[in-house]
Amino acid sequence: MPRATLGVVAAGLLCAEYILVAQAFDLDPALARGGLWSQLIPLRQLGLFVALGAAGTGIALGRAADPGVGSGGGSGVGVRTLLLGHVCAYLSFVALTWIVLGRDDAPPGPPSLWLAAWGLGGLCSSALLLGAVLGPSIFTLRSLGACVVGAGVGAAGFVVGEVAQAGWLPLAAATLAITRVVLELGFSNVVVDRERYYLGVDDFVVEIAPACGGYEGVGLVAVLIPTFLLAYRKRFRFPHALLLLPVGAIAVWLGNVARIATLIVVGALYDADLAVGAFHSKIGWVFFTAITLGVAVLGYNARFFVRERVAASSDVENPASPYLLPLLALMGTALVTSTFADPIDHLYAARIVVAGGVMLVFHRVYRAMDWSISWRGPALGLVVALAWLAPFSPAERPLVAETVSTPWLVARVLGSALVVPLCEELAFRGYLLRRLQNADFTSVSPRAWTWLALLASSLVFGVLHGRWLAASLAGLAYAILLVRTGRLGEAVVAHAVTNASIALWVLTTGDWSHWL
C-alpha cells in the first residue's frame, strides 16, 4: 500500500485517539491547581505542535525502503508486535491521563515529572502506532533524525504562532472590518466596538481575544507548508511553489474570519451556549484542517506548482480505499457536525449522506463480496445487544433528550443500524483483521486468523467507543463470526442487529445515554 495512504490512516487513528482522550477529560480541575498546572493549555498546544512536526517530517523525510509496506511482502511479525505495544501504551496513557487530569487534587510529587511522564506516554503511544501502520523501517536513524528535526519545526511553529498573536492588535481592525462586512451581508444590526474588540449581532456580542485571533494557525502554516515543500521538493517547481506559503497563510486568516462570523451567526440565530461552547472550541480546528489539506492537495496536483503531472495511466486504485474511506468519511463528518451538538447532533443525517456517498463510489467492489448470511449473524447480534444492555434497566434514564425530532430519530436509527455497521465492519474486520496478518491483506482468506490479529483489531475497535471494554468484546465476537463463516456479511448483520436492538431500547425506555 502506498505510504501516503498509510500516513493518512495513521493520522486518522491518532486523531481519533486524541479526540477520545480530549472529550473524556476536562482540563479545568487541573488548571485550578495553580503553579505549573495552570500552564497546561500552552504546554498541551506545544506538545501537539511538536508531535505533528515530528510525525509529519519523520514520515516525509525519513522514508526508508520497507518491503513489508505497500508491496505486500513480509510476514508482518514486527508490525503486529508494534501494534500490540501501541494498544498497551495507549491504555497506559489513558490511565496516566486520568491520574494527571481526572482528579481535583494534584498527584503527589513535582508537577514537572508528572507532565513529562504524561507527554512521554503520549509520544510512545503515537510512535508505536506509526511504526505499526507505516512499518518498522520508520525507526531507522534517518527517520529518527528527521523526527528530531520535525519536533524542532513543530516547536518553531508554536513560537511563531505565539509571536503572531502578539501582532493581533495591529491587525485587529482589519479582521473586525472584514468580519463586519461578512455579517452585514445578512444582518442590518451588526454591533462593533473597535476599542474593546467586540463584535456581534443584536444581543449576542463576543470579545475577540488574542488567543482566538487565528494567528496561531497562520504561524503553524508558516512552518508546515515549507516542510511540505521540502519533503516533496523533487515534485515541485520553484519558485512557483513558494506561492503556496502566502496562499496558505491568507486562506487560514480568512478562515478565521469565517469562523468568527459563523460563531456569531450561530449564537445570534440558534444557540448562544452552543456558539461559545462546543462550536467555539472545535470549529477552528475543523476550518484549519480543511484549509491546510486543501492547500496541500492544490499544490500537489496543480500544473502551475509541479514540474510535471503524473500520467493518469500510472494511477492505481488502492485496494484499502473501499474498506477505510467510508469510516474516515463518517468520522470526519461527525467531527464537523458535532460542533453544533447541544448535546443532540441535529446534523447527524450528514454522516449518512457523506459515508453513503463514499460507499456508492465503491459499489462495484462491494457487489463482488459474499453478502450471504445465515441465522448465526442475527443470533450473535442479539446476544451482544443483550450483554451490552445488561447493566441498564428501564428505570435508569441518565440523560433524557427534550428536543428530539422525528427526522433526527429516523436518521439516528438508520445510521446506527445500517451505515455505522457497514463502515466499521469494512474497516475493522474487512481490512484491519487481515492487514495484521499480511501487508497484502487482499491475499488473506476471511477465515484466516491469529490470536494477535483477533485481539488487536478488536481492541482498536473498542478504543473508538465510549465503553471500550464492552465494545472490544463485541468486536471480538464479530471477528470470530467472520472467521467461522468466512463471510463479512455475517459480521455486518450481527453488528446491525446489535445496534438496531440498542436503538429499540433507547426509543422504548428513553435511555438516551447510548446515543448522546
Protein backbone atom coordinates (compact mmCIF):
# COMPACT_ATOMS: atom_id res chain seq x y z
CA MET A 1 0.00 0.00 0.00
CA PRO A 2 1.33 3.49 -0.80
CA ARG A 3 2.99 5.17 2.16
CA ALA A 4 0.94 8.33 1.65
CA THR A 5 -2.28 6.38 2.16
CA LEU A 6 -0.86 4.60 5.18
CA GLY A 7 0.14 8.00 6.55
CA VAL A 8 -3.46 9.18 6.21
CA VAL A 9 -4.66 6.06 8.02
CA ALA A 10 -2.15 6.58 10.83
CA ALA A 11 -3.08 10.26 11.11
CA GLY A 12 -6.77 9.37 11.24
CA LEU A 13 -6.23 6.84 14.02
CA LEU A 14 -4.06 9.28 16.00
CA CYS A 15 -6.71 12.00 15.66
CA ALA A 16 -9.44 9.60 16.76
CA GLU A 17 -7.47 8.55 19.82
CA TYR A 18 -6.67 12.17 20.68
CA ILE A 19 -10.34 13.17 20.37
CA LEU A 20 -11.37 10.32 22.68
CA VAL A 21 -8.96 11.46 25.38
CA ALA A 22 -9.78 15.15 24.87
CA GLN A 23 -13.50 14.51 25.26
CA ALA A 24 -13.11 12.21 28.24
CA PHE A 25 -11.07 14.57 30.42
CA ASP A 26 -11.58 18.20 31.41
CA LEU A 27 -8.62 20.50 31.96
CA ASP A 28 -10.44 22.85 34.35
CA PRO A 29 -9.74 20.90 37.59
CA ALA A 30 -6.04 20.71 36.76
CA LEU A 31 -5.85 24.38 35.74
CA ALA A 32 -7.36 25.36 39.10
CA ARG A 33 -4.40 23.79 40.95
CA GLY A 34 -2.19 26.76 40.06
CA GLY A 35 1.56 26.74 39.53
CA LEU A 36 2.82 24.72 36.57
CA TRP A 37 -0.60 23.07 36.26
CA SER A 38 -2.06 26.43 35.18
CA GLN A 39 0.15 26.29 32.07
CA LEU A 40 -1.42 23.08 30.78
CA ILE A 41 -3.12 24.71 27.81
CA PRO A 42 0.03 26.22 26.26
CA LEU A 43 2.01 23.11 27.20
CA ARG A 44 -0.59 20.91 25.51
CA GLN A 45 -0.51 23.12 22.41
CA LEU A 46 3.29 22.98 22.35
CA GLY A 47 3.13 19.20 22.66
CA LEU A 48 0.69 18.95 19.77
CA PHE A 49 2.91 21.13 17.57
CA VAL A 50 5.99 19.07 18.42
CA ALA A 51 4.15 15.78 17.82
CA LEU A 52 2.71 16.95 14.49
CA GLY A 53 6.06 18.23 13.35
CA ALA A 54 7.92 15.08 14.39
CA ALA A 55 5.37 12.72 12.84
CA GLY A 56 4.92 14.66 9.61
CA THR A 57 8.60 15.36 8.98
CA GLY A 58 9.61 11.87 10.06
CA ILE A 59 7.21 10.28 7.59
CA ALA A 60 8.03 12.65 4.76
CA LEU A 61 11.80 12.98 5.09
CA GLY A 62 12.62 9.71 6.79
CA ARG A 63 11.09 7.40 4.22
CA ALA A 64 13.15 4.23 4.06
CA ALA A 65 12.63 1.18 1.93
CA ASP A 66 10.35 -1.27 3.67
CA PRO A 67 9.39 -4.35 1.67
CA GLY A 68 6.57 -5.03 4.10
CA VAL A 69 4.81 -1.71 3.50
CA GLY A 70 2.91 -1.20 0.32
CA SER A 71 4.48 -4.14 -1.50
CA GLY A 72 2.66 -6.99 0.08
CA GLY A 73 5.82 -8.65 1.25
CA GLY A 74 6.85 -9.79 4.66
CA SER A 75 5.10 -11.66 7.41
CA GLY A 76 4.47 -8.54 9.46
CA VAL A 77 5.64 -10.07 12.77
CA GLY A 78 7.31 -6.79 13.77
CA VAL A 79 4.26 -4.81 12.76
CA ARG A 80 1.96 -6.95 14.89
CA THR A 81 4.28 -6.59 17.87
CA LEU A 82 4.31 -2.82 17.43
CA LEU A 83 0.52 -2.68 17.22
CA LEU A 84 0.13 -4.69 20.40
CA GLY A 85 2.66 -2.40 22.05
CA HIS A 86 0.66 0.61 20.88
CA VAL A 87 -2.57 -0.74 22.37
CA CYS A 88 -0.85 -1.29 25.71
CA ALA A 89 0.88 2.11 25.55
CA TYR A 90 -2.36 3.91 24.68
CA LEU A 91 -4.27 2.28 27.54
CA SER A 92 -1.39 3.24 29.85
CA PHE A 93 -1.55 6.79 28.51
CA VAL A 94 -5.29 6.94 29.22
CA ALA A 95 -4.66 5.72 32.76
CA LEU A 96 -1.89 8.28 33.21
CA THR A 97 -4.20 10.99 31.85
CA TRP A 98 -6.76 10.08 34.50
CA ILE A 99 -4.10 10.39 37.22
CA VAL A 100 -2.86 13.75 35.89
CA LEU A 101 -6.16 15.35 34.81
CA GLY A 102 -9.03 13.24 36.11
CA ARG A 103 -8.98 14.35 39.74
CA ASP A 104 -9.34 17.64 41.54
CA ASP A 105 -6.24 17.02 43.67
CA ALA A 106 -2.81 17.03 42.05
CA PRO A 107 -0.88 13.72 42.11
CA PRO A 108 1.92 13.61 44.68
CA GLY A 109 5.32 14.78 43.56
CA PRO A 110 6.69 17.51 41.29
CA PRO A 111 4.25 18.54 38.53
CA SER A 112 7.12 18.71 36.04
CA LEU A 113 7.80 14.97 36.42
CA TRP A 114 4.12 14.06 36.01
CA LEU A 115 3.73 16.26 32.94
CA ALA A 116 6.96 14.91 31.44
CA ALA A 117 5.80 11.32 32.01
CA TRP A 118 2.39 12.17 30.56
CA GLY A 119 3.94 13.67 27.42
CA LEU A 120 6.37 10.78 27.06
CA GLY A 121 3.49 8.31 27.34
CA GLY A 122 1.62 10.02 24.52
CA LEU A 123 4.80 10.14 22.43
CA CYS A 124 5.47 6.42 22.88
CA SER A 125 1.88 5.52 22.02
CA SER A 126 1.98 7.63 18.85
CA ALA A 127 5.39 6.31 17.77
CA LEU A 128 4.29 2.69 18.15
CA LEU A 129 1.15 3.32 16.11
CA LEU A 130 3.15 4.98 13.33
CA GLY A 131 5.55 2.05 13.34
CA ALA A 132 2.70 -0.47 13.22
CA VAL A 133 0.90 1.22 10.33
CA LEU A 134 3.85 2.53 8.31
CA GLY A 135 6.24 -0.32 9.06
CA PRO A 136 9.19 -0.74 11.43
CA SER A 137 11.51 0.93 8.91
CA ILE A 138 10.47 4.38 10.21
CA PHE A 139 12.69 3.65 13.22
CA THR A 140 15.85 3.97 11.12
CA LEU A 141 18.46 6.53 12.11
CA ARG A 142 17.42 8.73 9.20
CA SER A 143 13.76 8.67 10.25
CA LEU A 144 14.55 9.31 13.89
CA GLY A 145 16.80 12.19 12.92
CA ALA A 146 14.03 13.58 10.75
CA CYS A 147 11.64 13.28 13.69
CA VAL A 148 14.01 15.34 15.84
CA VAL A 149 14.15 17.97 13.11
CA GLY A 150 10.36 17.82 12.82
CA ALA A 151 9.96 18.28 16.56
CA GLY A 152 12.05 21.42 16.29
CA VAL A 153 9.93 22.54 13.34
CA GLY A 154 6.78 21.98 15.37
CA ALA A 155 8.18 23.92 18.31
CA ALA A 156 9.12 26.73 15.92
CA GLY A 157 5.55 26.71 14.62
CA PHE A 158 4.27 27.13 18.16
CA VAL A 159 6.66 30.02 18.81
CA VAL A 160 5.72 31.68 15.52
CA GLY A 161 2.06 31.34 16.43
CA GLU A 162 2.65 32.89 19.85
CA VAL A 163 4.62 35.74 18.33
CA ALA A 164 1.93 36.20 15.69
CA GLN A 165 -0.65 36.51 18.45
CA ALA A 166 1.29 39.49 19.75
CA GLY A 167 0.56 41.11 16.40
CA TRP A 168 -3.18 40.65 16.86
CA LEU A 169 -3.87 44.21 17.99
CA PRO A 170 -2.34 45.98 14.95
CA LEU A 171 -4.28 43.68 12.62
CA ALA A 172 -7.44 43.53 14.70
CA ALA A 173 -9.04 46.41 12.81
CA ALA A 174 -8.74 44.56 9.50
CA THR A 175 -10.13 41.36 10.98
CA LEU A 176 -13.07 43.13 12.57
CA ALA A 177 -13.73 45.14 9.42
CA ILE A 178 -13.81 42.09 7.14
CA THR A 179 -15.90 40.09 9.58
CA ARG A 180 -18.31 43.01 9.85
CA VAL A 181 -18.64 43.13 6.05
CA VAL A 182 -19.39 39.40 6.00
CA LEU A 183 -22.05 39.74 8.72
CA GLU A 184 -23.65 42.75 7.05
CA LEU A 185 -24.37 40.60 4.02
CA GLY A 186 -27.15 39.01 6.05
CA PHE A 187 -27.77 41.32 9.01
CA SER A 188 -28.55 45.00 9.34
CA ASN A 189 -27.92 45.26 13.07
CA VAL A 190 -24.24 44.35 13.41
CA VAL A 191 -22.60 45.62 16.61
CA VAL A 192 -18.91 46.62 16.52
CA ASP A 193 -16.76 48.16 19.25
CA ARG A 194 -13.29 48.73 17.79
CA GLU A 195 -11.76 49.90 21.06
CA ARG A 196 -12.73 46.81 23.05
CA TYR A 197 -12.73 44.44 20.03
CA TYR A 198 -16.37 43.49 20.46
CA LEU A 199 -18.38 42.13 17.56
CA GLY A 200 -21.86 40.69 17.34
CA VAL A 201 -25.42 40.77 16.11
CA ASP A 202 -28.28 42.11 18.25
CA ASP A 203 -27.77 40.97 21.84
CA PHE A 204 -25.16 38.33 21.03
CA VAL A 205 -21.77 40.05 21.22
CA VAL A 206 -18.37 38.39 21.64
CA GLU A 207 -14.94 39.70 22.51
CA ILE A 208 -12.23 38.75 20.02
CA ALA A 209 -9.35 37.82 22.33
CA PRO A 210 -5.76 37.45 21.07
CA ALA A 211 -5.86 33.69 21.71
CA CYS A 212 -8.86 33.46 19.35
CA GLY A 213 -7.36 35.65 16.68
CA GLY A 214 -6.34 32.78 14.41
CA TYR A 215 -2.71 33.79 14.14
CA GLU A 216 -1.62 30.60 15.80
CA GLY A 217 -2.91 28.85 12.69
CA VAL A 218 -1.01 31.28 10.47
CA GLY A 219 2.15 30.50 12.42
CA LEU A 220 1.61 26.78 12.03
CA VAL A 221 1.04 27.17 8.29
CA ALA A 222 4.28 29.16 8.09
CA VAL A 223 6.07 26.03 9.29
CA LEU A 224 4.01 23.21 7.79
CA ILE A 225 3.97 24.43 4.18
CA PRO A 226 7.76 24.92 3.91
CA THR A 227 8.16 21.44 5.43
CA PHE A 228 5.71 20.07 2.88
CA LEU A 229 7.62 21.77 0.04
CA LEU A 230 10.92 20.43 1.37
CA ALA A 231 9.60 16.89 1.67
CA TYR A 232 8.37 16.82 -1.94
CA ARG A 233 10.91 19.24 -3.42
CA LYS A 234 11.59 16.95 -6.38
CA ARG A 235 7.97 17.25 -7.46
CA PHE A 236 7.52 21.00 -7.09
CA ARG A 237 8.57 23.72 -9.48
CA PHE A 238 10.36 26.60 -7.79
CA PRO A 239 9.89 29.49 -7.25
CA HIS A 240 6.27 28.92 -8.27
CA ALA A 241 5.63 26.55 -5.35
CA LEU A 242 6.68 29.22 -2.86
CA LEU A 243 3.38 30.98 -3.58
CA LEU A 244 1.69 28.23 -1.56
CA LEU A 245 3.05 29.88 1.60
CA PRO A 246 1.19 33.21 1.27
CA VAL A 247 -1.82 31.41 -0.21
CA GLY A 248 -1.99 29.15 2.84
CA ALA A 249 -1.45 31.98 5.33
CA ILE A 250 -4.12 34.18 3.74
CA ALA A 251 -6.54 31.27 3.44
CA VAL A 252 -6.13 30.37 7.12
CA TRP A 253 -6.56 34.01 8.16
CA LEU A 254 -9.72 34.33 6.06
CA GLY A 255 -10.84 31.01 7.51
CA ASN A 256 -10.57 32.57 10.95
CA VAL A 257 -12.77 35.44 9.73
CA ALA A 258 -15.29 32.86 8.55
CA ARG A 259 -15.05 31.10 11.91
CA ILE A 260 -15.80 34.29 13.85
CA ALA A 261 -18.68 35.18 11.53
CA THR A 262 -20.14 31.68 11.72
CA LEU A 263 -19.86 31.63 15.50
CA ILE A 264 -21.75 34.91 15.76
CA VAL A 265 -24.45 33.72 13.36
CA VAL A 266 -24.92 30.53 15.37
CA GLY A 267 -25.07 32.48 18.63
CA ALA A 268 -27.46 35.13 17.33
CA LEU A 269 -29.88 32.88 15.46
CA TYR A 270 -29.55 29.47 17.03
CA ASP A 271 -27.99 28.93 20.43
CA ALA A 272 -25.63 31.22 22.34
CA ASP A 273 -24.42 28.44 24.67
CA LEU A 274 -23.62 26.22 21.69
CA ALA A 275 -21.74 29.02 19.94
CA VAL A 276 -19.40 29.77 22.86
CA GLY A 277 -19.19 26.12 23.90
CA ALA A 278 -18.59 23.12 21.67
CA PHE A 279 -18.78 25.11 18.44
CA HIS A 280 -16.17 27.65 19.53
CA SER A 281 -13.72 25.00 20.69
CA LYS A 282 -13.94 22.71 17.65
CA ILE A 283 -14.76 24.74 14.56
CA GLY A 284 -11.35 26.43 14.48
CA TRP A 285 -9.52 23.12 14.09
CA VAL A 286 -12.07 21.92 11.55
CA PHE A 287 -11.50 25.03 9.41
CA PHE A 288 -7.73 24.88 9.83
CA THR A 289 -7.52 21.19 8.89
CA ALA A 290 -9.76 21.60 5.86
CA ILE A 291 -7.87 24.66 4.58
CA THR A 292 -4.36 23.26 5.04
CA LEU A 293 -5.28 19.95 3.44
CA GLY A 294 -6.91 21.84 0.59
CA VAL A 295 -3.79 23.93 0.01
CA ALA A 296 -1.62 20.80 0.09
CA VAL A 297 -3.85 18.98 -2.42
CA LEU A 298 -3.93 22.05 -4.66
CA GLY A 299 -0.17 22.41 -4.61
CA TYR A 300 0.48 18.72 -5.15
CA ASN A 301 -1.78 18.44 -8.19
CA ALA A 302 -1.95 21.87 -9.88
CA ARG A 303 0.15 22.11 -13.06
CA PHE A 304 1.38 25.58 -12.07
CA PHE A 305 3.17 24.28 -8.96
CA VAL A 306 4.56 20.90 -10.07
CA ARG A 307 7.27 20.00 -12.54
CA GLU A 308 5.10 17.51 -14.40
CA ARG A 309 1.75 15.86 -13.85
CA VAL A 310 1.67 12.16 -13.13
CA ALA A 311 0.18 10.31 -16.04
CA ALA A 312 -3.35 9.13 -15.40
CA SER A 313 -2.40 5.64 -16.50
CA SER A 314 0.02 5.37 -13.58
CA ASP A 315 -2.73 5.82 -11.00
CA VAL A 316 -3.53 2.51 -9.37
CA GLU A 317 -6.65 2.07 -7.31
CA ASN A 318 -5.78 1.44 -3.69
CA PRO A 319 -7.33 -1.83 -2.53
CA ALA A 320 -7.67 -0.47 1.02
CA SER A 321 -9.78 2.52 -0.03
CA PRO A 322 -13.17 0.73 -0.17
CA TYR A 323 -12.56 -0.59 3.34
CA LEU A 324 -11.19 2.50 5.08
CA LEU A 325 -12.59 5.60 3.36
CA PRO A 326 -16.23 5.12 4.45
CA LEU A 327 -15.22 5.06 8.13
CA LEU A 328 -12.84 8.00 7.71
CA ALA A 329 -15.63 9.93 5.97
CA LEU A 330 -18.04 9.05 8.76
CA MET A 331 -15.61 10.15 11.48
CA GLY A 332 -14.63 13.33 9.65
CA THR A 333 -18.25 14.34 9.15
CA ALA A 334 -19.01 13.55 12.79
CA LEU A 335 -16.17 15.85 13.87
CA VAL A 336 -17.74 18.70 11.90
CA THR A 337 -21.39 18.12 12.82
CA SER A 338 -20.61 17.54 16.50
CA THR A 339 -19.61 21.20 16.75
CA PHE A 340 -23.32 22.00 16.54
CA ALA A 341 -24.43 19.41 19.14
CA ASP A 342 -26.49 20.65 22.10
CA PRO A 343 -25.95 17.70 23.04
CA ILE A 344 -28.06 16.30 20.18
CA ASP A 345 -26.30 16.35 16.82
CA HIS A 346 -29.14 17.68 14.68
CA LEU A 347 -26.96 17.32 11.57
CA TYR A 348 -26.49 13.59 12.11
CA ALA A 349 -28.04 12.89 8.70
CA ALA A 350 -24.94 14.43 7.09
CA ARG A 351 -22.91 11.46 8.33
CA ILE A 352 -25.23 9.11 6.45
CA VAL A 353 -25.08 11.16 3.28
CA VAL A 354 -21.28 11.54 3.21
CA ALA A 355 -20.42 7.96 4.24
CA GLY A 356 -23.13 6.59 1.96
CA GLY A 357 -21.77 8.66 -0.93
CA VAL A 358 -18.29 7.23 -0.40
CA MET A 359 -19.65 3.69 -0.34
CA LEU A 360 -21.60 4.39 -3.51
CA VAL A 361 -18.32 5.20 -5.28
CA PHE A 362 -17.04 1.69 -4.47
CA HIS A 363 -20.34 -0.15 -5.05
CA ARG A 364 -18.77 -2.45 -7.65
CA VAL A 365 -16.19 -3.62 -5.11
CA TYR A 366 -18.88 -4.37 -2.55
CA ARG A 367 -21.08 -6.20 -5.04
CA ALA A 368 -18.23 -8.67 -5.60
CA MET A 369 -18.15 -9.60 -1.89
CA ASP A 370 -20.03 -12.50 -0.36
CA TRP A 371 -23.01 -10.98 1.47
CA SER A 372 -24.91 -14.22 2.08
CA ILE A 373 -25.99 -14.69 5.68
CA SER A 374 -27.38 -17.37 7.96
CA TRP A 375 -29.08 -17.44 11.35
CA ARG A 376 -25.71 -17.02 13.07
CA GLY A 377 -25.36 -13.30 12.34
CA PRO A 378 -28.74 -12.16 13.73
CA ALA A 379 -28.43 -14.54 16.68
CA LEU A 380 -24.99 -13.27 17.67
CA GLY A 381 -26.09 -9.67 17.22
CA LEU A 382 -28.97 -10.19 19.61
CA VAL A 383 -26.70 -11.86 22.19
CA VAL A 384 -24.23 -8.98 22.01
CA ALA A 385 -27.06 -6.46 22.41
CA LEU A 386 -28.39 -8.24 25.50
CA ALA A 387 -24.91 -8.30 27.01
CA TRP A 388 -24.41 -4.61 26.17
CA LEU A 389 -27.69 -3.60 27.80
CA ALA A 390 -27.43 -5.93 30.80
CA PRO A 391 -26.03 -3.25 33.18
CA PHE A 392 -29.01 -0.96 32.45
CA SER A 393 -32.67 -1.05 33.44
CA PRO A 394 -35.70 0.78 32.02
CA ALA A 395 -35.93 2.85 35.19
CA GLU A 396 -32.49 4.36 34.63
CA ARG A 397 -32.54 7.42 32.41
CA PRO A 398 -29.20 9.19 32.80
CA LEU A 399 -29.98 11.76 30.13
CA VAL A 400 -33.39 12.37 28.56
CA ALA A 401 -33.38 14.46 25.40
CA GLU A 402 -36.12 17.07 25.35
CA THR A 403 -35.56 18.38 21.85
CA VAL A 404 -35.52 15.22 19.73
CA SER A 405 -37.31 15.46 16.40
CA THR A 406 -38.71 12.82 14.09
CA PRO A 407 -36.16 13.50 11.29
CA TRP A 408 -33.31 13.19 13.78
CA LEU A 409 -34.73 9.93 15.15
CA VAL A 410 -35.07 8.47 11.65
CA ALA A 411 -31.51 9.48 10.74
CA ARG A 412 -30.14 8.18 14.04
CA VAL A 413 -31.81 4.78 13.64
CA LEU A 414 -30.74 4.41 10.01
CA GLY A 415 -27.19 5.48 10.84
CA SER A 416 -26.89 3.15 13.81
CA ALA A 417 -28.49 0.11 12.21
CA LEU A 418 -27.16 0.38 8.64
CA VAL A 419 -24.39 2.89 7.91
CA VAL A 420 -22.26 2.53 11.06
CA PRO A 421 -22.16 -1.31 10.96
CA LEU A 422 -21.12 -1.27 7.30
CA CYS A 423 -18.39 1.34 7.79
CA GLU A 424 -16.95 -0.23 10.93
CA GLU A 425 -17.04 -3.84 9.73
CA LEU A 426 -15.39 -2.95 6.44
CA ALA A 427 -12.59 -1.18 8.30
CA PHE A 428 -12.00 -3.43 11.30
CA ARG A 429 -12.99 -6.91 10.18
CA GLY A 430 -12.67 -6.50 6.41
CA TYR A 431 -9.34 -4.67 6.48
CA LEU A 432 -7.55 -4.49 9.83
CA LEU A 433 -8.08 -8.11 10.87
CA ARG A 434 -6.43 -9.28 7.65
CA ARG A 435 -3.85 -6.48 7.46
CA LEU A 436 -2.44 -7.61 10.80
CA GLN A 437 -1.71 -10.98 9.26
CA ASN A 438 -0.14 -9.83 6.00
CA ALA A 439 0.70 -6.50 4.39
CA ASP A 440 -1.09 -7.73 1.26
CA PHE A 441 -4.39 -8.08 3.09
CA THR A 442 -6.30 -8.99 -0.09
CA SER A 443 -4.42 -12.28 -0.22
CA VAL A 444 -5.62 -13.25 3.28
CA SER A 445 -8.65 -15.52 3.45
CA PRO A 446 -11.56 -14.24 5.59
CA ARG A 447 -11.23 -17.47 7.55
CA ALA A 448 -7.57 -16.87 8.38
CA TRP A 449 -6.72 -15.59 11.83
CA THR A 450 -4.13 -15.27 14.55
CA TRP A 451 -4.77 -14.50 18.19
CA LEU A 452 -2.88 -11.26 17.88
CA ALA A 453 -4.91 -10.15 14.86
CA LEU A 454 -8.20 -11.01 16.60
CA LEU A 455 -7.34 -9.26 19.85
CA ALA A 456 -5.57 -6.22 18.41
CA SER A 457 -8.26 -5.42 15.82
CA SER A 458 -10.95 -5.82 18.47
CA LEU A 459 -9.12 -3.55 20.93
CA VAL A 460 -8.65 -0.83 18.31
CA PHE A 461 -12.37 -1.13 17.53
CA GLY A 462 -13.18 -0.85 21.22
CA VAL A 463 -10.99 2.21 21.78
CA LEU A 464 -13.19 4.17 19.34
CA HIS A 465 -16.22 3.62 21.58
CA GLY A 466 -17.10 5.08 24.96
CA ARG A 467 -17.40 1.72 26.75
CA TRP A 468 -14.17 0.43 25.28
CA LEU A 469 -14.02 -2.90 27.08
CA ALA A 470 -17.57 -3.92 26.18
CA ALA A 471 -17.03 -2.70 22.62
CA SER A 472 -13.77 -4.68 22.37
CA LEU A 473 -15.57 -7.87 23.40
CA ALA A 474 -18.30 -7.13 20.88
CA GLY A 475 -15.68 -6.62 18.18
CA LEU A 476 -14.05 -9.90 19.15
CA ALA A 477 -17.40 -11.68 18.79
CA TYR A 478 -17.94 -10.21 15.31
CA ALA A 479 -14.39 -11.18 14.31
CA ILE A 480 -14.86 -14.78 15.44
CA LEU A 481 -18.11 -14.93 13.49
CA LEU A 482 -16.30 -13.75 10.36
CA VAL A 483 -13.54 -16.32 10.82
CA ARG A 484 -16.03 -19.15 11.40
CA THR A 485 -18.24 -18.32 8.40
CA GLY A 486 -15.79 -16.64 6.04
CA ARG A 487 -18.40 -14.02 5.15
CA LEU A 488 -18.14 -10.34 6.03
CA GLY A 489 -21.90 -10.06 5.59
CA GLU A 490 -22.43 -12.16 8.70
CA ALA A 491 -20.41 -9.72 10.81
CA VAL A 492 -22.23 -6.73 9.29
CA VAL A 493 -25.65 -8.24 10.02
CA ALA A 494 -24.64 -9.16 13.57
CA HIS A 495 -23.41 -5.61 14.18
CA ALA A 496 -26.57 -4.19 12.60
CA VAL A 497 -28.84 -6.32 14.79
CA THR A 498 -26.91 -5.22 17.88
CA ASN A 499 -27.24 -1.54 17.03
CA ALA A 500 -30.89 -1.92 15.99
CA SER A 501 -31.67 -3.61 19.32
CA ILE A 502 -29.95 -0.78 21.20
CA ALA A 503 -31.94 1.72 19.13
CA LEU A 504 -35.16 -0.07 20.10
CA TRP A 505 -34.11 0.09 23.75
CA VAL A 506 -33.44 3.83 23.50
CA LEU A 507 -36.78 4.53 21.84
CA THR A 508 -38.81 2.45 24.26
CA THR A 509 -37.11 3.37 27.54
CA GLY A 510 -35.92 6.92 26.91
CA ASP A 511 -32.37 5.99 27.93
CA TRP A 512 -30.65 8.44 25.56
CA SER A 513 -27.21 7.87 27.10
CA HIS A 514 -26.47 5.24 24.43
CA TRP A 515 -26.81 7.84 21.68
CA LEU A 516 -25.57 11.07 23.24
